[in-house]
Full PDB file with SEQRES, HELIX, SHEET, SSBOND, CRYST1, ORIGX, SCALE, CONECT and MASTER records, all heavy atoms in Angstrom:
SEQRES   1 A   43  LEU LEU GLY PHE THR HIS SER THR GLU ALA GLU TRP LEU          
SEQRES   2 A   43  GLN MET PHE GLN LYS GLU LYS ALA VAL LEU ASP GLU LEU          
SEQRES   3 A   43  SER ARG ARG THR GLY THR ARG LEU GLN PRO LEU THR ARG          
SEQRES   4 A   43  ASP LEU PHE GLY                                              
HELIX    1 AA1 GLU A    9  THR A   30  1                                  22    
CRYST1    1.000    1.000    1.000  90.00  90.00  90.00 P 1           1          
ORIGX1      1.000000  0.000000  0.000000        0.00000                         
ORIGX2      0.000000  1.000000  0.000000        0.00000                         
ORIGX3      0.000000  0.000000  1.000000        0.00000                         
SCALE1      1.000000  0.000000  0.000000        0.00000                         
SCALE2      0.000000  1.000000  0.000000        0.00000                         
SCALE3      0.000000  0.000000  1.000000        0.00000                         
ATOM      1  N   LEU A   1      23.433  63.960   9.872  1.00  0.00           N  
ATOM      2  CA  LEU A   1      24.895  63.897   9.981  1.00  0.00           C  
ATOM      3  C   LEU A   1      25.355  62.821  10.954  1.00  0.00           C  
ATOM      4  O   LEU A   1      26.481  62.272  10.815  1.00  0.00           O  
ATOM      5  CB  LEU A   1      25.471  65.248  10.426  1.00  0.00           C  
ATOM      6  CG  LEU A   1      25.421  66.373   9.383  1.00  0.00           C  
ATOM      7  CD1 LEU A   1      25.995  67.667  10.002  1.00  0.00           C  
ATOM      8  CD2 LEU A   1      26.145  65.997   8.121  1.00  0.00           C  
ATOM      9  N   LEU A   2      24.529  62.503  11.901  1.00  0.00           N  
ATOM     10  CA  LEU A   2      24.815  61.460  12.879  1.00  0.00           C  
ATOM     11  C   LEU A   2      24.488  60.055  12.351  1.00  0.00           C  
ATOM     12  O   LEU A   2      24.657  59.076  13.065  1.00  0.00           O  
ATOM     13  CB  LEU A   2      24.085  61.712  14.225  1.00  0.00           C  
ATOM     14  CG  LEU A   2      24.634  62.944  14.973  1.00  0.00           C  
ATOM     15  CD1 LEU A   2      23.685  63.320  16.090  1.00  0.00           C  
ATOM     16  CD2 LEU A   2      26.017  62.681  15.505  1.00  0.00           C  
ATOM     17  N   GLY A   3      23.931  59.982  11.144  1.00  0.00           N  
ATOM     18  CA  GLY A   3      23.685  58.710  10.499  1.00  0.00           C  
ATOM     19  C   GLY A   3      22.219  58.258  10.555  1.00  0.00           C  
ATOM     20  O   GLY A   3      21.905  57.199  10.025  1.00  0.00           O  
ATOM     21  N   PHE A   4      21.354  59.071  11.060  1.00  0.00           N  
ATOM     22  CA  PHE A   4      19.943  58.698  11.038  1.00  0.00           C  
ATOM     23  C   PHE A   4      19.354  58.993   9.684  1.00  0.00           C  
ATOM     24  O   PHE A   4      19.708  59.948   8.998  1.00  0.00           O  
ATOM     25  CB  PHE A   4      19.163  59.497  12.112  1.00  0.00           C  
ATOM     26  CG  PHE A   4      19.498  59.102  13.506  1.00  0.00           C  
ATOM     27  CD1 PHE A   4      20.484  59.800  14.199  1.00  0.00           C  
ATOM     28  CD2 PHE A   4      18.897  58.049  14.130  1.00  0.00           C  
ATOM     29  CE1 PHE A   4      20.797  59.470  15.511  1.00  0.00           C  
ATOM     30  CE2 PHE A   4      19.213  57.684  15.431  1.00  0.00           C  
ATOM     31  CZ  PHE A   4      20.150  58.375  16.133  1.00  0.00           C  
ATOM     32  N   THR A   5      18.403  58.142   9.246  1.00  0.00           N  
ATOM     33  CA  THR A   5      17.633  58.342   8.009  1.00  0.00           C  
ATOM     34  C   THR A   5      16.201  58.060   8.265  1.00  0.00           C  
ATOM     35  O   THR A   5      15.810  57.663   9.353  1.00  0.00           O  
ATOM     36  CB  THR A   5      18.181  57.405   6.903  1.00  0.00           C  
ATOM     37  OG1 THR A   5      17.926  56.055   7.269  1.00  0.00           O  
ATOM     38  CG2 THR A   5      19.650  57.609   6.611  1.00  0.00           C  
ATOM     39  N   HIS A   6      15.394  58.250   7.215  1.00  0.00           N  
ATOM     40  CA  HIS A   6      13.968  57.996   7.344  1.00  0.00           C  
ATOM     41  C   HIS A   6      13.391  57.398   6.055  1.00  0.00           C  
ATOM     42  O   HIS A   6      12.299  57.717   5.613  1.00  0.00           O  
ATOM     43  CB  HIS A   6      13.182  59.254   7.767  1.00  0.00           C  
ATOM     44  CG  HIS A   6      13.543  60.476   7.029  1.00  0.00           C  
ATOM     45  ND1 HIS A   6      13.125  60.774   5.750  1.00  0.00           N  
ATOM     46  CD2 HIS A   6      14.274  61.541   7.399  1.00  0.00           C  
ATOM     47  CE1 HIS A   6      13.609  61.955   5.357  1.00  0.00           C  
ATOM     48  NE2 HIS A   6      14.307  62.439   6.377  1.00  0.00           N  
ATOM     49  N   SER A   7      14.161  56.445   5.465  1.00  0.00           N  
ATOM     50  CA  SER A   7      13.739  55.816   4.220  1.00  0.00           C  
ATOM     51  C   SER A   7      12.688  54.752   4.481  1.00  0.00           C  
ATOM     52  O   SER A   7      11.838  54.524   3.627  1.00  0.00           O  
ATOM     53  CB  SER A   7      14.918  55.186   3.546  1.00  0.00           C  
ATOM     54  OG  SER A   7      15.881  56.177   3.205  1.00  0.00           O  
ATOM     55  N   THR A   8      12.784  54.096   5.604  1.00  0.00           N  
ATOM     56  CA  THR A   8      11.780  53.081   5.961  1.00  0.00           C  
ATOM     57  C   THR A   8      11.111  53.492   7.285  1.00  0.00           C  
ATOM     58  O   THR A   8      11.632  54.355   8.025  1.00  0.00           O  
ATOM     59  CB  THR A   8      12.454  51.704   6.182  1.00  0.00           C  
ATOM     60  OG1 THR A   8      13.270  51.750   7.367  1.00  0.00           O  
ATOM     61  CG2 THR A   8      13.223  51.286   4.989  1.00  0.00           C  
ATOM     62  N   GLU A   9      10.019  52.845   7.634  1.00  0.00           N  
ATOM     63  CA  GLU A   9       9.334  53.203   8.841  1.00  0.00           C  
ATOM     64  C   GLU A   9      10.197  52.902  10.055  1.00  0.00           C  
ATOM     65  O   GLU A   9      10.230  53.729  11.023  1.00  0.00           O  
ATOM     66  CB  GLU A   9       8.015  52.432   8.968  1.00  0.00           C  
ATOM     67  CG  GLU A   9       7.183  52.930  10.157  1.00  0.00           C  
ATOM     68  CD  GLU A   9       5.748  52.397  10.109  1.00  0.00           C  
ATOM     69  OE1 GLU A   9       5.338  51.749   9.204  1.00  0.00           O  
ATOM     70  OE2 GLU A   9       5.025  52.759  11.077  1.00  0.00           O  
ATOM     71  N   ALA A  10      10.946  51.823  10.030  1.00  0.00           N  
ATOM     72  CA  ALA A  10      11.852  51.513  11.190  1.00  0.00           C  
ATOM     73  C   ALA A  10      12.933  52.554  11.364  1.00  0.00           C  
ATOM     74  O   ALA A  10      13.238  52.998  12.466  1.00  0.00           O  
ATOM     75  CB  ALA A  10      12.443  50.089  11.000  1.00  0.00           C  
ATOM     76  N   GLU A  11      13.545  52.966  10.263  1.00  0.00           N  
ATOM     77  CA  GLU A  11      14.580  53.996  10.295  1.00  0.00           C  
ATOM     78  C   GLU A  11      13.993  55.317  10.740  1.00  0.00           C  
ATOM     79  O   GLU A  11      14.555  56.034  11.549  1.00  0.00           O  
ATOM     80  CB  GLU A  11      15.257  54.181   8.896  1.00  0.00           C  
ATOM     81  CG  GLU A  11      16.095  53.020   8.483  1.00  0.00           C  
ATOM     82  CD  GLU A  11      16.571  53.173   7.061  1.00  0.00           C  
ATOM     83  OE1 GLU A  11      16.031  54.031   6.300  1.00  0.00           O  
ATOM     84  OE2 GLU A  11      17.499  52.424   6.658  1.00  0.00           O  
ATOM     85  N   TRP A  12      12.812  55.636  10.208  1.00  0.00           N  
ATOM     86  CA  TRP A  12      12.149  56.858  10.565  1.00  0.00           C  
ATOM     87  C   TRP A  12      11.886  56.890  12.108  1.00  0.00           C  
ATOM     88  O   TRP A  12      12.082  57.908  12.737  1.00  0.00           O  
ATOM     89  CB  TRP A  12      10.804  57.003   9.824  1.00  0.00           C  
ATOM     90  CG  TRP A  12       9.919  58.068  10.415  1.00  0.00           C  
ATOM     91  CD1 TRP A  12      10.045  59.384  10.275  1.00  0.00           C  
ATOM     92  CD2 TRP A  12       8.848  57.855  11.359  1.00  0.00           C  
ATOM     93  NE1 TRP A  12       9.043  60.077  10.989  1.00  0.00           N  
ATOM     94  CE2 TRP A  12       8.295  59.102  11.672  1.00  0.00           C  
ATOM     95  CE3 TRP A  12       8.272  56.735  11.880  1.00  0.00           C  
ATOM     96  CZ2 TRP A  12       7.223  59.297  12.489  1.00  0.00           C  
ATOM     97  CZ3 TRP A  12       7.195  56.880  12.772  1.00  0.00           C  
ATOM     98  CH2 TRP A  12       6.698  58.132  13.057  1.00  0.00           C  
ATOM     99  N   LEU A  13      11.389  55.766  12.631  1.00  0.00           N  
ATOM    100  CA  LEU A  13      11.073  55.722  14.086  1.00  0.00           C  
ATOM    101  C   LEU A  13      12.296  56.023  14.897  1.00  0.00           C  
ATOM    102  O   LEU A  13      12.218  56.803  15.872  1.00  0.00           O  
ATOM    103  CB  LEU A  13      10.475  54.339  14.427  1.00  0.00           C  
ATOM    104  CG  LEU A  13       9.982  54.229  15.870  1.00  0.00           C  
ATOM    105  CD1 LEU A  13       8.928  55.272  16.199  1.00  0.00           C  
ATOM    106  CD2 LEU A  13       9.426  52.821  16.107  1.00  0.00           C  
ATOM    107  N   GLN A  14      13.428  55.462  14.555  1.00  0.00           N  
ATOM    108  CA  GLN A  14      14.682  55.741  15.317  1.00  0.00           C  
ATOM    109  C   GLN A  14      15.043  57.222  15.225  1.00  0.00           C  
ATOM    110  O   GLN A  14      15.379  57.881  16.214  1.00  0.00           O  
ATOM    111  CB  GLN A  14      15.833  54.888  14.776  1.00  0.00           C  
ATOM    112  CG  GLN A  14      15.736  53.452  15.172  1.00  0.00           C  
ATOM    113  CD  GLN A  14      16.957  52.692  14.631  1.00  0.00           C  
ATOM    114  OE1 GLN A  14      17.458  52.979  13.587  1.00  0.00           O  
ATOM    115  NE2 GLN A  14      17.400  51.709  15.416  1.00  0.00           N  
ATOM    116  N   MET A  15      14.974  57.810  13.982  1.00  0.00           N  
ATOM    117  CA  MET A  15      15.319  59.183  13.823  1.00  0.00           C  
ATOM    118  C   MET A  15      14.315  60.107  14.534  1.00  0.00           C  
ATOM    119  O   MET A  15      14.680  61.067  15.160  1.00  0.00           O  
ATOM    120  CB  MET A  15      15.407  59.546  12.330  1.00  0.00           C  
ATOM    121  CG  MET A  15      15.833  60.959  12.097  1.00  0.00           C  
ATOM    122  SD  MET A  15      16.229  61.192  10.351  1.00  0.00           S  
ATOM    123  CE  MET A  15      16.560  62.935  10.343  1.00  0.00           C  
ATOM    124  N   PHE A  16      13.042  59.754  14.396  1.00  0.00           N  
ATOM    125  CA  PHE A  16      11.998  60.546  14.980  1.00  0.00           C  
ATOM    126  C   PHE A  16      12.207  60.579  16.546  1.00  0.00           C  
ATOM    127  O   PHE A  16      12.071  61.657  17.148  1.00  0.00           O  
ATOM    128  CB  PHE A  16      10.613  59.940  14.667  1.00  0.00           C  
ATOM    129  CG  PHE A  16       9.464  60.674  15.324  1.00  0.00           C  
ATOM    130  CD1 PHE A  16       8.943  61.821  14.758  1.00  0.00           C  
ATOM    131  CD2 PHE A  16       8.917  60.164  16.505  1.00  0.00           C  
ATOM    132  CE1 PHE A  16       7.915  62.482  15.386  1.00  0.00           C  
ATOM    133  CE2 PHE A  16       7.838  60.848  17.103  1.00  0.00           C  
ATOM    134  CZ  PHE A  16       7.338  61.992  16.516  1.00  0.00           C  
ATOM    135  N   GLN A  17      12.497  59.453  17.114  1.00  0.00           N  
ATOM    136  CA  GLN A  17      12.708  59.379  18.566  1.00  0.00           C  
ATOM    137  C   GLN A  17      13.881  60.231  19.001  1.00  0.00           C  
ATOM    138  O   GLN A  17      13.817  60.961  20.018  1.00  0.00           O  
ATOM    139  CB  GLN A  17      12.848  57.963  19.032  1.00  0.00           C  
ATOM    140  CG  GLN A  17      11.572  57.150  18.974  1.00  0.00           C  
ATOM    141  CD  GLN A  17      11.724  55.680  19.231  1.00  0.00           C  
ATOM    142  OE1 GLN A  17      12.840  55.120  19.105  1.00  0.00           O  
ATOM    143  NE2 GLN A  17      10.646  54.998  19.534  1.00  0.00           N  
ATOM    144  N   LYS A  18      14.991  60.208  18.243  1.00  0.00           N  
ATOM    145  CA  LYS A  18      16.149  61.053  18.593  1.00  0.00           C  
ATOM    146  C   LYS A  18      15.802  62.533  18.425  1.00  0.00           C  
ATOM    147  O   LYS A  18      16.067  63.318  19.312  1.00  0.00           O  
ATOM    148  CB  LYS A  18      17.332  60.684  17.710  1.00  0.00           C  
ATOM    149  CG  LYS A  18      18.555  61.568  17.879  1.00  0.00           C  
ATOM    150  CD  LYS A  18      19.035  61.645  19.322  1.00  0.00           C  
ATOM    151  CE  LYS A  18      19.773  60.392  19.734  1.00  0.00           C  
ATOM    152  NZ  LYS A  18      20.303  60.499  21.085  1.00  0.00           N  
ATOM    153  N   GLU A  19      15.182  62.866  17.284  1.00  0.00           N  
ATOM    154  CA  GLU A  19      14.840  64.260  17.042  1.00  0.00           C  
ATOM    155  C   GLU A  19      13.880  64.772  18.134  1.00  0.00           C  
ATOM    156  O   GLU A  19      14.026  65.872  18.668  1.00  0.00           O  
ATOM    157  CB  GLU A  19      14.073  64.339  15.701  1.00  0.00           C  
ATOM    158  CG  GLU A  19      14.751  65.276  14.681  1.00  0.00           C  
ATOM    159  CD  GLU A  19      13.969  65.279  13.392  1.00  0.00           C  
ATOM    160  OE1 GLU A  19      13.854  64.227  12.737  1.00  0.00           O  
ATOM    161  OE2 GLU A  19      13.531  66.367  13.016  1.00  0.00           O  
ATOM    162  N   LYS A  20      12.843  63.942  18.484  1.00  0.00           N  
ATOM    163  CA  LYS A  20      11.859  64.327  19.445  1.00  0.00           C  
ATOM    164  C   LYS A  20      12.502  64.512  20.833  1.00  0.00           C  
ATOM    165  O   LYS A  20      12.234  65.506  21.559  1.00  0.00           O  
ATOM    166  CB  LYS A  20      10.753  63.303  19.539  1.00  0.00           C  
ATOM    167  CG  LYS A  20       9.649  63.713  20.485  1.00  0.00           C  
ATOM    168  CD  LYS A  20       8.387  62.978  20.210  1.00  0.00           C  
ATOM    169  CE  LYS A  20       7.252  63.326  21.146  1.00  0.00           C  
ATOM    170  NZ  LYS A  20       7.269  64.515  21.870  1.00  0.00           N  
ATOM    171  N   ALA A  21      13.421  63.636  21.209  1.00  0.00           N  
ATOM    172  CA  ALA A  21      14.095  63.772  22.516  1.00  0.00           C  
ATOM    173  C   ALA A  21      14.873  65.075  22.575  1.00  0.00           C  
ATOM    174  O   ALA A  21      14.833  65.808  23.576  1.00  0.00           O  
ATOM    175  CB  ALA A  21      14.997  62.546  22.755  1.00  0.00           C  
ATOM    176  N   VAL A  22      15.612  65.383  21.529  1.00  0.00           N  
ATOM    177  CA  VAL A  22      16.395  66.587  21.496  1.00  0.00           C  
ATOM    178  C   VAL A  22      15.520  67.793  21.516  1.00  0.00           C  
ATOM    179  O   VAL A  22      15.739  68.776  22.293  1.00  0.00           O  
ATOM    180  CB  VAL A  22      17.361  66.627  20.279  1.00  0.00           C  
ATOM    181  CG1 VAL A  22      18.039  67.954  20.144  1.00  0.00           C  
ATOM    182  CG2 VAL A  22      18.422  65.495  20.403  1.00  0.00           C  
ATOM    183  N   LEU A  23      14.490  67.822  20.682  1.00  0.00           N  
ATOM    184  CA  LEU A  23      13.589  68.966  20.588  1.00  0.00           C  
ATOM    185  C   LEU A  23      12.779  69.160  21.871  1.00  0.00           C  
ATOM    186  O   LEU A  23      12.500  70.275  22.271  1.00  0.00           O  
ATOM    187  CB  LEU A  23      12.694  68.870  19.368  1.00  0.00           C  
ATOM    188  CG  LEU A  23      13.435  68.997  18.008  1.00  0.00           C  
ATOM    189  CD1 LEU A  23      12.505  68.748  16.857  1.00  0.00           C  
ATOM    190  CD2 LEU A  23      14.065  70.386  17.880  1.00  0.00           C  
ATOM    191  N   ASP A  24      12.399  68.019  22.531  1.00  0.00           N  
ATOM    192  CA  ASP A  24      11.652  68.157  23.777  1.00  0.00           C  
ATOM    193  C   ASP A  24      12.529  68.806  24.846  1.00  0.00           C  
ATOM    194  O   ASP A  24      12.039  69.668  25.586  1.00  0.00           O  
ATOM    195  CB  ASP A  24      11.200  66.763  24.273  1.00  0.00           C  
ATOM    196  CG  ASP A  24      10.035  66.229  23.510  1.00  0.00           C  
ATOM    197  OD1 ASP A  24       9.408  66.977  22.710  1.00  0.00           O  
ATOM    198  OD2 ASP A  24       9.661  65.001  23.692  1.00  0.00           O  
ATOM    199  N   GLU A  25      13.788  68.396  24.892  1.00  0.00           N  
ATOM    200  CA  GLU A  25      14.702  69.026  25.868  1.00  0.00           C  
ATOM    201  C   GLU A  25      14.915  70.490  25.560  1.00  0.00           C  
ATOM    202  O   GLU A  25      14.926  71.356  26.425  1.00  0.00           O  
ATOM    203  CB  GLU A  25      16.014  68.262  25.916  1.00  0.00           C  
ATOM    204  CG  GLU A  25      17.024  68.822  26.929  1.00  0.00           C  
ATOM    205  CD  GLU A  25      16.596  68.790  28.378  1.00  0.00           C  
ATOM    206  OE1 GLU A  25      15.665  68.025  28.726  1.00  0.00           O  
ATOM    207  OE2 GLU A  25      17.116  69.580  29.184  1.00  0.00           O  
ATOM    208  N   LEU A  26      15.128  70.783  24.292  1.00  0.00           N  
ATOM    209  CA  LEU A  26      15.295  72.177  23.881  1.00  0.00           C  
ATOM    210  C   LEU A  26      14.073  72.983  24.186  1.00  0.00           C  
ATOM    211  O   LEU A  26      14.154  74.104  24.673  1.00  0.00           O  
ATOM    212  CB  LEU A  26      15.632  72.212  22.363  1.00  0.00           C  
ATOM    213  CG  LEU A  26      15.889  73.603  21.811  1.00  0.00           C  
ATOM    214  CD1 LEU A  26      17.079  74.262  22.481  1.00  0.00           C  
ATOM    215  CD2 LEU A  26      16.171  73.485  20.293  1.00  0.00           C  
ATOM    216  N   SER A  27      12.897  72.434  23.914  1.00  0.00           N  
ATOM    217  CA  SER A  27      11.655  73.116  24.237  1.00  0.00           C  
ATOM    218  C   SER A  27      11.494  73.400  25.758  1.00  0.00           C  
ATOM    219  O   SER A  27      11.084  74.460  26.131  1.00  0.00           O  
ATOM    220  CB  SER A  27      10.420  72.271  23.775  1.00  0.00           C  
ATOM    221  OG  SER A  27      10.407  72.189  22.350  1.00  0.00           O  
ATOM    222  N   ARG A  28      11.905  72.413  26.526  1.00  0.00           N  
ATOM    223  CA  ARG A  28      11.806  72.563  27.970  1.00  0.00           C  
ATOM    224  C   ARG A  28      12.747  73.693  28.450  1.00  0.00           C  
ATOM    225  O   ARG A  28      12.378  74.525  29.279  1.00  0.00           O  
ATOM    226  CB  ARG A  28      12.248  71.257  28.669  1.00  0.00           C  
ATOM    227  CG  ARG A  28      12.071  71.282  30.181  1.00  0.00           C  
ATOM    228  CD  ARG A  28      12.615  70.005  30.819  1.00  0.00           C  
ATOM    229  NE  ARG A  28      14.062  69.905  30.760  1.00  0.00           N  
ATOM    230  CZ  ARG A  28      14.903  70.615  31.537  1.00  0.00           C  
ATOM    231  NH1 ARG A  28      14.457  71.479  32.397  1.00  0.00           N  
ATOM    232  NH2 ARG A  28      16.235  70.446  31.392  1.00  0.00           N  
ATOM    233  N   ARG A  29      13.917  73.771  27.858  1.00  0.00           N  
ATOM    234  CA  ARG A  29      14.895  74.802  28.235  1.00  0.00           C  
ATOM    235  C   ARG A  29      14.579  76.186  27.743  1.00  0.00           C  
ATOM    236  O   ARG A  29      14.987  77.180  28.303  1.00  0.00           O  
ATOM    237  CB  ARG A  29      16.304  74.433  27.775  1.00  0.00           C  
ATOM    238  CG  ARG A  29      16.866  73.216  28.470  1.00  0.00           C  
ATOM    239  CD  ARG A  29      18.228  72.914  27.958  1.00  0.00           C  
ATOM    240  NE  ARG A  29      18.763  71.693  28.544  1.00  0.00           N  
ATOM    241  CZ  ARG A  29      20.051  71.447  28.638  1.00  0.00           C  
ATOM    242  NH1 ARG A  29      20.927  72.349  28.282  1.00  0.00           N  
ATOM    243  NH2 ARG A  29      20.456  70.334  29.168  1.00  0.00           N  
ATOM    244  N   THR A  30      13.834  76.259  26.630  1.00  0.00           N  
ATOM    245  CA  THR A  30      13.568  77.545  26.012  1.00  0.00           C  
ATOM    246  C   THR A  30      12.125  77.996  26.088  1.00  0.00           C  
ATOM    247  O   THR A  30      11.785  79.099  25.652  1.00  0.00           O  
ATOM    248  CB  THR A  30      14.010  77.583  24.525  1.00  0.00           C  
ATOM    249  OG1 THR A  30      13.289  76.567  23.825  1.00  0.00           O  
ATOM    250  CG2 THR A  30      15.519  77.316  24.387  1.00  0.00           C  
ATOM    251  N   GLY A  31      11.232  77.122  26.536  1.00  0.00           N  
ATOM    252  CA  GLY A  31       9.843  77.515  26.662  1.00  0.00           C  
ATOM    253  C   GLY A  31       9.101  77.501  25.346  1.00  0.00           C  
ATOM    254  O   GLY A  31       8.092  78.163  25.141  1.00  0.00           O  
ATOM    255  N   THR A  32       9.593  76.720  24.371  1.00  0.00           N  
ATOM    256  CA  THR A  32       8.939  76.597  23.063  1.00  0.00           C  
ATOM    257  C   THR A  32       8.268  75.250  22.943  1.00  0.00           C  
ATOM    258  O   THR A  32       8.351  74.443  23.892  1.00  0.00           O  
ATOM    259  CB  THR A  32       9.984  76.771  21.951  1.00  0.00           C  
ATOM    260  OG1 THR A  32      11.042  75.808  22.131  1.00  0.00           O  
ATOM    261  CG2 THR A  32      10.572  78.145  21.915  1.00  0.00           C  
ATOM    262  N   ARG A  33       7.647  75.004  21.827  1.00  0.00           N  
ATOM    263  CA  ARG A  33       7.014  73.695  21.563  1.00  0.00           C  
ATOM    264  C   ARG A  33       7.474  73.188  20.195  1.00  0.00           C  
ATOM    265  O   ARG A  33       6.717  73.292  19.221  1.00  0.00           O  
ATOM    266  CB  ARG A  33       5.499  73.788  21.605  1.00  0.00           C  
ATOM    267  CG  ARG A  33       4.978  74.135  23.010  1.00  0.00           C  
ATOM    268  CD  ARG A  33       3.502  74.127  23.008  1.00  0.00           C  
ATOM    269  NE  ARG A  33       2.993  72.910  22.362  1.00  0.00           N  
ATOM    270  CZ  ARG A  33       2.212  72.021  22.936  1.00  0.00           C  
ATOM    271  NH1 ARG A  33       1.825  72.206  24.114  1.00  0.00           N  
ATOM    272  NH2 ARG A  33       1.793  70.963  22.243  1.00  0.00           N  
ATOM    273  N   LEU A  34       8.686  72.746  20.123  1.00  0.00           N  
ATOM    274  CA  LEU A  34       9.271  72.285  18.844  1.00  0.00           C  
ATOM    275  C   LEU A  34       8.891  70.836  18.549  1.00  0.00           C  
ATOM    276  O   LEU A  34       8.960  70.012  19.431  1.00  0.00           O  
ATOM    277  CB  LEU A  34      10.768  72.430  18.873  1.00  0.00           C  
ATOM    278  CG  LEU A  34      11.283  73.864  19.225  1.00  0.00           C  
ATOM    279  CD1 LEU A  34      12.794  73.873  19.391  1.00  0.00           C  
ATOM    280  CD2 LEU A  34      10.833  74.856  18.191  1.00  0.00           C  
ATOM    281  N   GLN A  35       8.521  70.561  17.335  1.00  0.00           N  
ATOM    282  CA  GLN A  35       8.151  69.247  16.868  1.00  0.00           C  
ATOM    283  C   GLN A  35       9.058  68.758  15.754  1.00  0.00           C  
ATOM    284  O   GLN A  35       9.470  69.560  14.949  1.00  0.00           O  
ATOM    285  CB  GLN A  35       6.678  69.235  16.371  1.00  0.00           C  
ATOM    286  CG  GLN A  35       5.652  69.496  17.430  1.00  0.00           C  
ATOM    287  CD  GLN A  35       5.637  68.411  18.478  1.00  0.00           C  
ATOM    288  OE1 GLN A  35       5.655  67.203  18.136  1.00  0.00           O  
ATOM    289  NE2 GLN A  35       5.643  68.764  19.747  1.00  0.00           N  
ATOM    290  N   PRO A  36       9.393  67.454  15.735  1.00  0.00           N  
ATOM    291  CA  PRO A  36      10.244  66.932  14.677  1.00  0.00           C  
ATOM    292  C   PRO A  36       9.683  67.243  13.262  1.00  0.00           C  
ATOM    293  O   PRO A  36       8.492  67.243  13.070  1.00  0.00           O  
ATOM    294  CB  PRO A  36      10.273  65.410  14.940  1.00  0.00           C  
ATOM    295  CG  PRO A  36      10.014  65.324  16.374  1.00  0.00           C  
ATOM    296  CD  PRO A  36       9.033  66.419  16.698  1.00  0.00           C  
ATOM    297  N   LEU A  37      10.641  67.458  12.375  1.00  0.00           N  
ATOM    298  CA  LEU A  37      10.269  67.803  10.972  1.00  0.00           C  
ATOM    299  C   LEU A  37       9.437  66.715  10.291  1.00  0.00           C  
ATOM    300  O   LEU A  37       8.527  66.984   9.539  1.00  0.00           O  
ATOM    301  CB  LEU A  37      11.546  68.071  10.216  1.00  0.00           C  
ATOM    302  CG  LEU A  37      11.483  68.758   8.854  1.00  0.00           C  
ATOM    303  CD1 LEU A  37      10.861  70.111   8.966  1.00  0.00           C  
ATOM    304  CD2 LEU A  37      12.856  68.868   8.260  1.00  0.00           C  
ATOM    305  N   THR A  38       9.751  65.450  10.575  1.00  0.00           N  
ATOM    306  CA  THR A  38       9.101  64.333   9.889  1.00  0.00           C  
ATOM    307  C   THR A  38       8.007  63.718  10.740  1.00  0.00           C  
ATOM    308  O   THR A  38       7.666  62.539  10.537  1.00  0.00           O  
ATOM    309  CB  THR A  38      10.139  63.261   9.524  1.00  0.00           C  
ATOM    310  OG1 THR A  38      10.721  62.762  10.738  1.00  0.00           O  
ATOM    311  CG2 THR A  38      11.215  63.764   8.582  1.00  0.00           C  
ATOM    312  N   ARG A  39       7.380  64.440  11.633  1.00  0.00           N  
ATOM    313  CA  ARG A  39       6.410  63.885  12.580  1.00  0.00           C  
ATOM    314  C   ARG A  39       5.231  63.213  11.881  1.00  0.00           C  
ATOM    315  O   ARG A  39       4.650  62.280  12.434  1.00  0.00           O  
ATOM    316  CB  ARG A  39       5.900  64.953  13.518  1.00  0.00           C  
ATOM    317  CG  ARG A  39       5.088  66.039  12.919  1.00  0.00           C  
ATOM    318  CD  ARG A  39       4.724  67.116  13.916  1.00  0.00           C  
ATOM    319  NE  ARG A  39       4.171  68.309  13.242  1.00  0.00           N  
ATOM    320  CZ  ARG A  39       4.904  69.331  12.822  1.00  0.00           C  
ATOM    321  NH1 ARG A  39       6.208  69.306  12.947  1.00  0.00           N  
ATOM    322  NH2 ARG A  39       4.338  70.340  12.245  1.00  0.00           N  
ATOM    323  N   ASP A  40       4.878  63.585  10.666  1.00  0.00           N  
ATOM    324  CA  ASP A  40       3.751  62.954   9.997  1.00  0.00           C  
ATOM    325  C   ASP A  40       4.146  62.016   8.865  1.00  0.00           C  
ATOM    326  O   ASP A  40       3.249  61.500   8.178  1.00  0.00           O  
ATOM    327  CB  ASP A  40       2.845  64.083   9.428  1.00  0.00           C  
ATOM    328  CG  ASP A  40       2.247  64.968  10.486  1.00  0.00           C  
ATOM    329  OD1 ASP A  40       1.931  64.463  11.574  1.00  0.00           O  
ATOM    330  OD2 ASP A  40       2.155  66.196  10.241  1.00  0.00           O  
ATOM    331  N   LEU A  41       5.431  61.717   8.730  1.00  0.00           N  
ATOM    332  CA  LEU A  41       5.889  60.931   7.610  1.00  0.00           C  
ATOM    333  C   LEU A  41       5.281  59.519   7.597  1.00  0.00           C  
ATOM    334  O   LEU A  41       4.819  59.049   6.583  1.00  0.00           O  
ATOM    335  CB  LEU A  41       7.433  60.855   7.599  1.00  0.00           C  
ATOM    336  CG  LEU A  41       8.065  60.195   6.386  1.00  0.00           C  
ATOM    337  CD1 LEU A  41       7.694  60.948   5.107  1.00  0.00           C  
ATOM    338  CD2 LEU A  41       9.567  60.148   6.546  1.00  0.00           C  
ATOM    339  N   PHE A  42       5.319  58.859   8.745  1.00  0.00           N  
ATOM    340  CA  PHE A  42       4.786  57.493   8.843  1.00  0.00           C  
ATOM    341  C   PHE A  42       3.662  57.423   9.888  1.00  0.00           C  
ATOM    342  O   PHE A  42       3.529  56.452  10.600  1.00  0.00           O  
ATOM    343  CB  PHE A  42       5.881  56.486   9.189  1.00  0.00           C  
ATOM    344  CG  PHE A  42       6.732  56.146   8.032  1.00  0.00           C  
ATOM    345  CD1 PHE A  42       7.989  56.758   7.897  1.00  0.00           C  
ATOM    346  CD2 PHE A  42       6.384  55.190   7.082  1.00  0.00           C  
ATOM    347  CE1 PHE A  42       8.832  56.471   6.818  1.00  0.00           C  
ATOM    348  CE2 PHE A  42       7.195  54.862   6.038  1.00  0.00           C  
ATOM    349  CZ  PHE A  42       8.423  55.497   5.908  1.00  0.00           C  
ATOM    350  N   GLY A  43       2.912  58.504   9.994  1.00  0.00           N  
ATOM    351  CA  GLY A  43       1.763  58.491  10.951  1.00  0.00           C  
ATOM    352  C   GLY A  43       2.179  58.878  12.369  1.00  0.00           C  
ATOM    353  O   GLY A  43       1.561  58.434  13.339  1.00  0.00           O  
TER     354      GLY A  43                                                      
MASTER        0    0    0    1    0    0    0    6  353    1    0    4          
END                                                                             
């Protein structure tokens, strides 16, 4: 919804980094270990 996509490796990397940053912070606050949905898409 914020405009990130993962059609190419470059787009995926930007989206992956945003997703990972948000999920890392959420994991830190909640004691979980959340990983981005597309973590294995481009290696």
